[in-house]
């Protein structure tokens, strides 16, 4: 298998796994929102803002660090170096996993009282602490599997974890349901903890046998390994990455803590603010971002490809690839946006049983093209060596968002948060696109890449609306029919023409 085909095979697997995980997550969120209500879901989401920072501390950049160290060692055929590197990374994971767990145990009460303003999350947060060392070690093993091109093992662990989470949480909710919101949060956290134990066990099992098959009988007793040099390299990769993620995660945590407080200041009570926050953050956003798994998985494949083209100084090919990818990403995103807007009320009521969710979906769906394109452009910039720029933009974006939380949400309530999301995405995407255009010298063709897809999806939804006025078409068939009409119109308008289809055909070597 050629390297390109291997990347595409891994990308296809990553896409399938990501879609499956996000699909299960949407289905699970729909279940628990109906089971425990939007207020309890909002409280559970709120405690997740603290947990997410503790998780960032537990991981501390270990996944990418392991991948880099093991890839380098195996590239040199130096298996002793790989083994020593892995041992040091495991120790690093244990240290930060245990450190974050201890800090969360100690700080759970003051954070709940002073930051979250809700004592009901103290016990769930303390229970969350038990999962942190296991998650850190699992990330270490996942980085190893990525380095040795065994991503299917990560896929098995992740799918098993999500399925187990759903089973455990549903069982525990049946046991705890009817008591109070604190008990519901404990049930969800405990179900998550049990699933993390299962995921860790699977990853550990795979790692033990993988290590034997890769390293057994390959050691040279006379070869000396400079362990201090390996430690220095590990820390040199992990710590800068860790500190940058600490900073951004801390800002995001503060932002999400302030959102329900800001909604209360706009005139809502505590329960109403949790309902609005839970509906938008745990129902609407996972559904809106669900199709982006396709964009994210395949655009991540561009990182090594563009890096190689840059080393070769192949500016013409870089420009061509960047243009084609932006064009196809926008065509996909505009279609998703149109479907989400047109079917927003049906999606909100049929998936979550919430008319508010449908209303929020309709607002957020308008910026899907910007959101999805930003993901694609960021991955291309990373491949072109502009990762520091993207990191700086993300941090600046988070700082600006934090300021807007203080200004917009107390005045506009939940719609202030939606406005914040829109402004943030426009800024982030605009800055990234400007940098990509500057680096690649590509021309951004607004008419062909954006206007024609918009016209195509508008016409598709109008045709579907006319058909539904005559025939009784259910939501899912209606969405599929709209999608088919959209693809036909893309071809008719030449928003995606013969050249683009030929390019896709050349990549995948399919017979259309």
Foldseek 3Di string as FASTA:
>chain_A
DDPLVLLVVQLVLLLVLLLLLLVLLQLLLLVVCVQPNLLLLLVLVLLVLVLVLLLLQLQLQLLQLLLVQLLVCVVVLNLVSNVLLLVVSLVVNQVSLLVSLVVQLVCLQVCCCPQLVHRLCSVLSNLLSVLRSLVNNLSNLCSNCVNVSNNVLVSVLSSQLSVQLSVQLVVQCVVQPPPDSSSNSNSSSVSNSVSSVSSSVSSVVCVVVVSCVPRPPSDDPPDDDDSVVSVVSSCVSRNVVSVLCSLLSVLSSSLSSLQLVLLVLLPDDNSVSSSLSSLCPSNQVSVLCSVLSSLLSVLLSLQQVLLVCVVVVVLVVLQVVVQLSLLVQLLVLLLSLLLCQLCLQVCCCVSNNDSVSSVLSNLLSVCSSLQSSLSNLQSNCNSNVNVVVLSVLSSVLSVVLSVQSVVQCSNPPSVSVSVSVNVSSCSSSVSSVVVSCVVSVHDDDCCLRHVQLNVQLVVLSVVLVVVCVPDPDDSVVSSVSSVVSSVVSCDVVPSPYPVSVVVVCVSVVDDD
